[in-house]
């Protein structure tokens, strides 16, 4: 927080931002005098507002006599002035009911993004964990025609995936059975990311009939364990069309194009997996031009000590931060617990 902000300036800035978040209108000195509870003259309030404007924390839109917070003002508010409230019990119960332990990962992720959107009235977003983050329980290969093989893959979180792969050469049913037995006996319960490196190392050290099995295991597992499907789930994009602060059609079009492309937003969210706790990107802090008038609130979700992905809310900079931030954190905690049936619910 800038050193120039004394107690009165902090209180006025907090009051101004809270009032603007509530009604969306520029806030004048009379409103501030009434709402802040400071026993100072209107002239003093105007002087403090002038100082806040000079250092870039508030601005005057057009010819209005009132002031609105800038992205820098919101940043000071979030970092230093926000009075966080715990998530109400009713909302916590609603989240818990929508993410029961033992539900399938896809259902849990979809429910989390949709519920965050419904509760915040903005966009709910969740990155889908790559299957390489999970261990598999069992694999089975079923021969089809030519070089095509059906793979049935069961993960330790009970997710089942069926996929058709194209192999480098035809495999007989006995070869496929032998390879599946080898992978199941040696790698069940281990993360997929470990398997290729282990197979390559064993091939270097083996010069026997086992080399043929290892070669088949490497060929089949390379494709069987390749990531497929969605990498990010978005819910509630159309809610932003009703947000006053984002009503400009060109601005909305750029935003929806960014949602459709996904890659820039996904890259930002993936960076958030490296830092614990809630992160808040206000305006241009995201580095994404289409989100220049938005705020992104994110938190990583984990299972068994491993970060699986990131969950968050995308909305206008004028949002109820004291409500959205604990909402995102609670959702991340509950999602991680639901993905790990062995852990007690938070």
Protein backbone atom coordinates (compact mmCIF):
# COMPACT_ATOMS: atom_id res chain seq x y z
CA UNK A 1 0.00 0.00 0.00
CA UNK A 2 1.37 3.47 -0.84
CA UNK A 3 2.88 5.11 2.23
CA UNK A 4 0.82 8.25 1.60
CA UNK A 5 -2.37 6.50 2.69
CA UNK A 6 -3.11 7.37 6.29
CA UNK A 7 -6.00 5.97 8.30
CA UNK A 8 -8.51 8.47 6.88
CA UNK A 9 -7.45 7.84 3.29
CA UNK A 10 -7.70 4.06 3.77
CA UNK A 11 -11.17 4.35 5.25
CA UNK A 12 -12.37 6.62 2.46
CA UNK A 13 -10.91 4.35 -0.23
CA UNK A 14 -12.49 1.27 1.38
CA UNK A 15 -15.84 3.06 1.67
CA UNK A 16 -15.71 4.34 -1.92
CA UNK A 17 -14.91 0.91 -3.38
CA UNK A 18 -17.50 -0.91 -1.26
CA UNK A 19 -20.16 1.61 -2.29
CA UNK A 20 -19.21 1.41 -5.98
CA UNK A 21 -19.27 -2.41 -5.90
CA UNK A 22 -22.72 -2.24 -4.35
CA UNK A 23 -24.46 0.16 -6.76
CA UNK A 24 -22.10 0.60 -9.74
CA UNK A 25 -22.29 4.38 -9.64
CA UNK A 26 -19.54 7.00 -9.17
CA UNK A 27 -19.27 7.93 -5.50
CA UNK A 28 -19.39 11.57 -4.47
CA UNK A 29 -17.96 13.33 -1.43
CA UNK A 30 -21.37 13.68 0.24
CA UNK A 31 -21.96 9.93 0.07
CA UNK A 32 -18.46 9.31 1.41
CA UNK A 33 -19.01 11.72 4.29
CA UNK A 34 -22.23 9.92 5.19
CA UNK A 35 -20.98 6.33 4.74
CA UNK A 36 -17.42 6.52 6.04
CA UNK A 37 -18.25 7.72 9.57
CA UNK A 38 -15.33 10.17 9.53
CA UNK A 39 -15.86 13.38 11.47
CA UNK A 40 -14.22 15.65 8.90
CA UNK A 41 -15.39 18.52 6.72
CA UNK A 42 -16.54 18.04 3.11
CA UNK A 43 -13.48 20.05 2.04
CA UNK A 44 -11.18 17.58 3.79
CA UNK A 45 -12.90 14.67 2.07
CA UNK A 46 -12.50 16.36 -1.32
CA UNK A 47 -8.81 16.93 -0.60
CA UNK A 48 -8.28 13.28 0.31
CA UNK A 49 -10.13 12.18 -2.83
CA UNK A 50 -7.93 14.48 -4.87
CA UNK A 51 -4.85 12.83 -3.34
CA UNK A 52 -6.21 9.34 -4.09
CA UNK A 53 -6.89 10.37 -7.67
CA UNK A 54 -3.40 11.84 -8.05
CA UNK A 55 -1.74 8.54 -7.09
CA UNK A 56 -3.98 6.59 -9.47
CA UNK A 57 -6.28 4.75 -7.07
CA UNK A 58 -9.54 6.43 -8.15
CA UNK A 59 -10.64 8.36 -11.23
CA UNK A 60 -13.47 10.58 -12.39
CA UNK A 61 -15.50 9.11 -15.27
CA UNK A 62 -16.39 11.72 -17.88
CA UNK A 63 -17.77 14.86 -16.23
CA UNK A 64 -19.18 13.12 -13.14
CA UNK A 65 -18.60 14.73 -9.78
CA UNK A 66 -18.14 11.26 -8.27
CA UNK A 67 -15.18 8.91 -8.41
CA UNK A 68 -14.71 5.22 -9.24
CA UNK A 69 -11.85 2.88 -8.31
CA UNK A 70 -9.12 2.14 -10.85
CA UNK A 71 -7.60 -1.36 -11.20
CA UNK A 72 -4.76 -0.08 -8.98
CA UNK A 73 -7.35 0.98 -6.41
CA UNK A 74 -8.94 -2.46 -6.49
CA UNK A 75 -5.50 -4.00 -6.01
CA UNK A 76 -4.89 -1.96 -2.84
CA UNK A 77 -8.41 -2.85 -1.68
CA UNK A 78 -7.92 -6.61 -2.21
CA UNK A 79 -4.41 -6.70 -0.73
CA UNK A 80 -4.85 -4.42 2.26
CA UNK A 81 -8.39 -3.21 2.91
CA UNK A 82 -10.64 -6.18 2.28
CA UNK A 83 -12.54 -7.48 5.27
CA UNK A 84 -12.94 -11.15 4.35
CA UNK A 85 -15.97 -13.06 5.57
CA UNK A 86 -16.17 -16.86 5.83
CA UNK A 87 -18.49 -18.51 3.34
CA UNK A 88 -22.02 -18.75 4.83
CA UNK A 89 -23.00 -22.21 6.05
CA UNK A 90 -25.85 -22.43 3.52
CA UNK A 91 -23.49 -21.87 0.58
CA UNK A 92 -20.93 -24.28 2.02
CA UNK A 93 -23.64 -26.94 2.36
CA UNK A 94 -24.74 -26.29 -1.22
CA UNK A 95 -21.19 -26.83 -2.46
CA UNK A 96 -20.77 -30.01 -0.41
CA UNK A 97 -24.02 -31.48 -1.70
CA UNK A 98 -22.96 -30.88 -5.30
CA UNK A 99 -19.55 -32.54 -4.88
CA UNK A 100 -20.13 -35.78 -3.00
CA UNK A 101 -17.14 -38.01 -2.37
CA UNK A 102 -17.09 -40.92 -4.80
CA UNK A 103 -18.80 -39.14 -7.69
CA UNK A 104 -16.99 -39.44 -11.02
CA UNK A 105 -14.26 -36.86 -11.70
CA UNK A 106 -16.03 -35.50 -14.79
CA UNK A 107 -19.26 -34.94 -12.85
CA UNK A 108 -17.38 -33.30 -9.97
CA UNK A 109 -15.49 -30.90 -12.25
CA UNK A 110 -18.62 -29.97 -14.21
CA UNK A 111 -20.62 -29.44 -11.02
CA UNK A 112 -17.86 -27.28 -9.53
CA UNK A 113 -17.64 -24.92 -12.52
CA UNK A 114 -21.43 -24.65 -12.89
CA UNK A 115 -22.02 -24.04 -9.20
CA UNK A 116 -19.31 -21.38 -9.02
CA UNK A 117 -20.99 -19.64 -11.95
CA UNK A 118 -24.42 -19.86 -10.35
CA UNK A 119 -23.23 -18.62 -6.95
CA UNK A 120 -21.09 -15.76 -8.29
CA UNK A 121 -23.33 -14.93 -11.28
CA UNK A 122 -20.15 -14.78 -13.39
CA UNK A 123 -18.10 -17.40 -15.26
CA UNK A 124 -16.97 -20.53 -13.43
CA UNK A 125 -13.82 -22.18 -14.76
CA UNK A 126 -11.89 -25.33 -13.86
CA UNK A 127 -8.88 -26.93 -15.52
CA UNK A 128 -9.23 -30.65 -16.05
CA UNK A 129 -6.42 -32.70 -14.51
CA UNK A 130 -4.36 -34.62 -17.01
CA UNK A 131 -4.73 -38.35 -16.58
CA UNK A 132 -0.93 -38.50 -16.18
CA UNK A 133 -1.59 -37.10 -12.69
CA UNK A 134 -3.48 -40.26 -11.77
CA UNK A 135 -2.43 -43.87 -11.30
CA UNK A 136 -4.21 -46.62 -13.21
CA UNK A 137 -5.71 -49.71 -11.64
CA UNK A 138 -6.08 -51.97 -14.68
CA UNK A 139 -5.59 -51.96 -18.42
CA UNK A 140 -6.99 -54.31 -21.06
CA UNK A 141 -6.31 -54.49 -24.81
CA UNK A 142 -8.94 -55.86 -27.20
CA UNK A 143 -7.87 -56.59 -30.82
CA UNK A 144 -10.00 -55.03 -33.52
CA UNK A 145 -9.13 -55.12 -37.20
CA UNK A 146 -5.71 -54.48 -38.76
CA UNK A 147 -3.57 -52.27 -36.51
CA UNK A 148 -6.47 -51.05 -34.37
CA UNK A 149 -6.75 -51.94 -30.70
CA UNK A 150 -9.45 -51.05 -28.16
CA UNK A 151 -7.96 -49.95 -24.83
CA UNK A 152 -10.01 -50.21 -21.63
CA UNK A 153 -8.28 -48.18 -18.90
CA UNK A 154 -9.50 -48.10 -15.29
CA UNK A 155 -7.97 -45.49 -12.98
CA UNK A 156 -7.65 -45.63 -9.20
CA UNK A 157 -10.30 -42.89 -8.85
CA UNK A 158 -12.77 -45.25 -10.64
CA UNK A 159 -12.70 -43.31 -13.90
CA UNK A 160 -12.98 -45.66 -16.90
CA UNK A 161 -11.77 -44.65 -20.33
CA UNK A 162 -12.23 -46.55 -23.59
CA UNK A 163 -10.21 -45.51 -26.61
CA UNK A 164 -9.16 -46.92 -29.96
CA UNK A 165 -5.48 -46.69 -30.83
CA UNK A 166 -3.56 -47.38 -34.05
CA UNK A 167 -0.43 -49.44 -33.42
CA UNK A 168 2.76 -49.60 -35.47
CA UNK A 169 2.16 -53.26 -36.29
CA UNK A 170 -0.61 -55.82 -35.83
CA UNK A 171 -0.69 -57.57 -32.43
CA UNK A 172 -2.10 -61.03 -31.82
CA UNK A 173 -4.61 -61.54 -28.99
CA UNK A 174 -1.97 -63.43 -27.00
CA UNK A 175 0.53 -60.58 -27.37
CA UNK A 176 -2.06 -58.07 -26.21
CA UNK A 177 -2.97 -60.23 -23.22
CA UNK A 178 0.68 -60.72 -22.29
CA UNK A 179 1.35 -56.97 -22.54
CA UNK A 180 -1.69 -56.08 -20.45
CA UNK A 181 -0.67 -58.62 -17.80
CA UNK A 182 2.82 -57.15 -17.68
CA UNK A 183 1.57 -53.54 -17.32
CA UNK A 184 -0.99 -54.54 -14.70
CA UNK A 185 1.48 -56.49 -12.60
CA UNK A 186 4.34 -53.97 -12.80
CA UNK A 187 2.68 -50.55 -13.05
CA UNK A 188 -0.79 -50.65 -11.48
CA UNK A 189 -0.97 -47.95 -8.82
CA UNK A 190 1.85 -45.91 -10.35
CA UNK A 191 1.42 -42.52 -12.08
CA UNK A 192 1.25 -42.75 -15.86
CA UNK A 193 4.12 -40.29 -16.21
CA UNK A 194 6.49 -42.87 -14.65
CA UNK A 195 5.67 -45.70 -17.03
CA UNK A 196 7.43 -44.63 -20.24
CA UNK A 197 10.69 -43.74 -18.48
CA UNK A 198 10.71 -47.07 -16.62
CA UNK A 199 10.00 -49.08 -19.79
CA UNK A 200 12.80 -47.36 -21.70
CA UNK A 201 15.24 -47.98 -18.87
CA UNK A 202 14.30 -51.65 -18.64
CA UNK A 203 14.66 -52.05 -22.42
CA UNK A 204 18.20 -50.73 -22.23
CA UNK A 205 19.04 -53.23 -19.51
CA UNK A 206 17.30 -56.26 -21.04
CA UNK A 207 18.47 -58.43 -23.92
CA UNK A 208 16.13 -61.39 -24.00
CA UNK A 209 12.62 -62.51 -24.83
CA UNK A 210 11.52 -59.87 -22.31
CA UNK A 211 12.66 -57.17 -24.73
CA UNK A 212 9.82 -58.09 -27.09
CA UNK A 213 7.26 -57.70 -24.30
CA UNK A 214 8.78 -54.38 -23.24
CA UNK A 215 8.74 -53.10 -26.82
CA UNK A 216 5.07 -54.01 -27.18
CA UNK A 217 4.28 -52.42 -23.81
CA UNK A 218 6.01 -49.21 -24.86
CA UNK A 219 4.24 -49.09 -28.22
CA UNK A 220 0.80 -49.73 -26.77
CA UNK A 221 1.13 -47.61 -23.62
CA UNK A 222 2.46 -44.58 -25.50
CA UNK A 223 -0.92 -44.20 -27.17
CA UNK A 224 -3.09 -45.75 -24.47
CA UNK A 225 -1.95 -43.19 -21.90
CA UNK A 226 -1.95 -40.16 -24.22
CA UNK A 227 -4.13 -37.31 -22.86
CA UNK A 228 -7.55 -36.96 -24.50
CA UNK A 229 -10.66 -34.88 -23.91
CA UNK A 230 -11.27 -31.43 -22.47
CA UNK A 231 -8.49 -29.45 -20.80
CA UNK A 232 -10.70 -26.71 -19.33
CA UNK A 233 -14.39 -26.41 -18.44
CA UNK A 234 -16.20 -23.06 -18.59
CA UNK A 235 -19.70 -22.40 -17.29
CA UNK A 236 -21.89 -19.30 -17.41
CA UNK A 237 -20.20 -17.25 -20.14
CA UNK A 238 -23.53 -15.74 -21.18
CA UNK A 239 -24.00 -14.31 -17.66
CA UNK A 240 -21.42 -11.66 -18.57
CA UNK A 241 -23.76 -10.29 -21.25
CA UNK A 242 -25.92 -8.90 -18.45
CA UNK A 243 -23.05 -7.24 -16.59
CA UNK A 244 -23.27 -3.45 -16.87
CA UNK A 245 -19.49 -2.94 -16.78
CA UNK A 246 -18.96 -5.27 -19.78
CA UNK A 247 -21.87 -4.02 -21.90
CA UNK A 248 -19.66 -2.81 -24.78
CA UNK A 249 -20.26 -5.22 -27.70
CA UNK A 250 -16.69 -5.09 -29.02
CA UNK A 251 -15.38 -5.83 -25.54
CA UNK A 252 -17.78 -8.76 -25.15
CA UNK A 253 -16.89 -10.15 -28.56
CA UNK A 254 -13.17 -10.15 -27.72
CA UNK A 255 -13.93 -11.80 -24.39
CA UNK A 256 -16.03 -14.57 -25.93
CA UNK A 257 -13.38 -15.18 -28.60
CA UNK A 258 -10.83 -15.66 -25.79
CA UNK A 259 -13.20 -18.15 -24.14
CA UNK A 260 -13.54 -20.04 -27.43
CA UNK A 261 -9.77 -20.19 -28.00
CA UNK A 262 -9.13 -21.21 -24.38
CA UNK A 263 -5.36 -21.48 -24.79
CA UNK A 264 -4.43 -18.06 -23.33
CA UNK A 265 -6.75 -18.48 -20.34
CA UNK A 266 -5.56 -22.07 -19.86
CA UNK A 267 -1.92 -20.93 -19.87
CA UNK A 268 -2.70 -18.34 -17.18
CA UNK A 269 -4.53 -20.89 -15.03
CA UNK A 270 -1.73 -23.44 -15.37
CA UNK A 271 0.70 -20.85 -13.98
CA UNK A 272 -1.53 -20.65 -10.91
CA UNK A 273 -0.86 -24.32 -10.08
CA UNK A 274 2.63 -23.31 -8.95
CA UNK A 275 1.42 -21.02 -6.12
CA UNK A 276 -0.73 -22.11 -3.17
CA UNK A 277 -3.88 -20.29 -2.10
CA UNK A 278 -6.10 -17.79 -3.87
CA UNK A 279 -4.68 -15.53 -6.57
CA UNK A 280 -6.48 -12.46 -7.90
CA UNK A 281 -5.69 -10.94 -11.30
CA UNK A 282 -7.28 -7.51 -11.74
CA UNK A 283 -7.60 -5.94 -15.19
CA UNK A 284 -4.36 -5.95 -17.16
CA UNK A 285 -2.56 -8.01 -14.48
CA UNK A 286 -3.71 -11.16 -16.30
CA UNK A 287 -1.64 -10.17 -19.33
CA UNK A 288 -4.63 -10.98 -21.56
CA UNK A 289 -6.00 -7.96 -23.46
CA UNK A 290 -9.58 -9.33 -23.81
CA UNK A 291 -9.72 -9.65 -20.00
CA UNK A 292 -8.51 -6.09 -19.43
CA UNK A 293 -11.80 -5.12 -17.76
CA UNK A 294 -12.17 -8.38 -15.82
CA UNK A 295 -10.92 -9.95 -12.63
CA UNK A 296 -9.90 -13.60 -12.37
CA UNK A 297 -9.98 -15.23 -8.92
CA UNK A 298 -8.26 -18.64 -8.85
CA UNK A 299 -7.21 -21.36 -6.41
CA UNK A 300 -5.49 -24.71 -7.07
CA UNK A 301 -7.23 -27.92 -6.03
CA UNK A 302 -5.26 -30.92 -4.80
CA UNK A 303 -5.68 -34.57 -3.95
CA UNK A 304 -3.30 -36.65 -1.83
CA UNK A 305 -0.85 -33.75 -1.75
CA UNK A 306 -0.68 -33.37 -5.53
CA UNK A 307 -2.02 -30.29 -7.35
CA UNK A 308 -4.42 -31.52 -10.04
CA UNK A 309 -5.68 -28.25 -11.51
CA UNK A 310 -7.09 -24.79 -10.87
CA UNK A 311 -10.61 -23.56 -10.25
CA UNK A 312 -11.82 -19.98 -10.43
CA UNK A 313 -14.26 -17.22 -11.31
CA UNK A 314 -13.99 -14.72 -14.17
CA UNK A 315 -16.07 -11.57 -13.82
CA UNK A 316 -15.90 -7.77 -13.95
CA UNK A 317 -13.43 -5.85 -11.80
CA UNK A 318 -16.47 -4.60 -9.88
CA UNK A 319 -17.23 -7.80 -8.02
CA UNK A 320 -17.90 -8.65 -4.38
CA UNK A 321 -14.34 -9.80 -3.61
CA UNK A 322 -15.10 -10.52 0.05
CA UNK A 323 -17.64 -13.12 -1.13
CA UNK A 324 -16.02 -14.51 -4.29
CA UNK A 325 -12.55 -15.14 -2.80
CA UNK A 326 -13.73 -17.45 0.05
CA UNK A 327 -16.18 -19.08 -2.40
CA UNK A 328 -13.34 -20.05 -4.77
CA UNK A 329 -11.14 -21.29 -1.92
CA UNK A 330 -13.92 -23.39 -0.39
CA UNK A 331 -14.79 -24.90 -3.77
CA UNK A 332 -11.15 -25.81 -4.39
CA UNK A 333 -10.91 -27.49 -0.96
CA UNK A 334 -14.14 -29.45 -1.41
CA UNK A 335 -13.29 -30.51 -4.97
CA UNK A 336 -9.89 -31.83 -3.88
CA UNK A 337 -11.48 -33.76 -1.02
CA UNK A 338 -14.18 -35.24 -3.28
CA UNK A 339 -11.52 -36.45 -5.72
CA UNK A 340 -9.75 -38.21 -2.85
CA UNK A 341 -12.28 -40.49 -1.13
CA UNK A 342 -9.72 -41.41 1.55
CA UNK A 343 -9.56 -37.88 2.98
CA UNK A 344 -12.22 -36.46 5.34
CA UNK A 345 -14.42 -33.72 3.89
CA UNK A 346 -13.32 -30.20 4.93
